[in-house]
Amino acid sequence: MATRKLPVPPLIEQMDIASYIKDETAKFDTLTAEAQRASTCCKSAAPH
């Protein structure tokens, strides 16, 4: 089996990337939760 070298960014850049992904995921999670609350609110307010 052949060994291949993969380019890897410096550790500080890896940490920056991980931090960015964590921050963006948190924003997405917040928006998802707000959308779910709005959906629940709309469903409960809709006439049956």
Protein backbone atom coordinates (compact mmCIF):
# COMPACT_ATOMS: atom_id res chain seq x y z
CA MET A 1 0.00 0.00 0.00
CA ALA A 2 1.39 3.38 -1.00
CA THR A 3 1.85 6.11 1.57
CA ARG A 4 0.57 9.53 0.61
CA LYS A 5 1.29 12.82 2.25
CA LEU A 6 -1.65 15.12 2.75
CA PRO A 7 -1.16 18.84 3.13
CA VAL A 8 -2.11 19.95 6.63
CA PRO A 9 -2.45 23.60 7.63
CA PRO A 10 -0.42 24.86 10.59
CA LEU A 11 -1.92 24.14 14.01
CA ILE A 12 -2.97 27.77 14.60
CA GLU A 13 -4.85 27.75 11.29
CA GLN A 14 -6.52 24.46 12.21
CA MET A 15 -7.61 26.03 15.49
CA ASP A 16 -8.97 29.10 13.66
CA ILE A 17 -10.93 26.86 11.29
CA ALA A 18 -12.34 24.82 14.18
CA SER A 19 -13.33 28.00 16.02
CA TYR A 20 -15.05 29.38 12.92
CA ILE A 21 -16.98 26.15 12.40
CA LYS A 22 -18.01 26.11 16.08
CA ASP A 23 -19.24 29.72 15.89
CA GLU A 24 -21.16 29.18 12.65
CA THR A 25 -22.71 25.97 13.99
CA ALA A 26 -23.87 27.84 17.10
CA LYS A 27 -25.54 30.47 14.89
CA PHE A 28 -27.24 27.74 12.88
CA ASP A 29 -28.41 26.01 16.05
CA THR A 30 -29.85 29.28 17.36
CA LEU A 31 -31.70 29.97 14.11
CA THR A 32 -33.03 26.41 14.04
CA ALA A 33 -34.34 26.71 17.61
CA GLU A 34 -35.98 30.07 16.82
CA ALA A 35 -37.64 28.58 13.73
CA GLN A 36 -38.94 25.64 15.75
CA ARG A 37 -40.37 27.98 18.40
CA ALA A 38 -42.01 30.13 15.73
CA SER A 39 -43.47 27.03 14.08
CA THR A 40 -44.85 25.77 17.38
CA CYS A 41 -46.29 29.19 18.13
CA CYS A 42 -47.95 29.40 14.71
CA LYS A 43 -49.38 25.89 15.01
CA SER A 44 -50.88 26.61 18.43
CA ALA A 45 -52.32 29.94 17.22
CA ALA A 46 -53.88 28.50 14.07
CA PRO A 47 -57.63 27.83 14.20
CA HIS A 48 -58.52 24.15 14.36
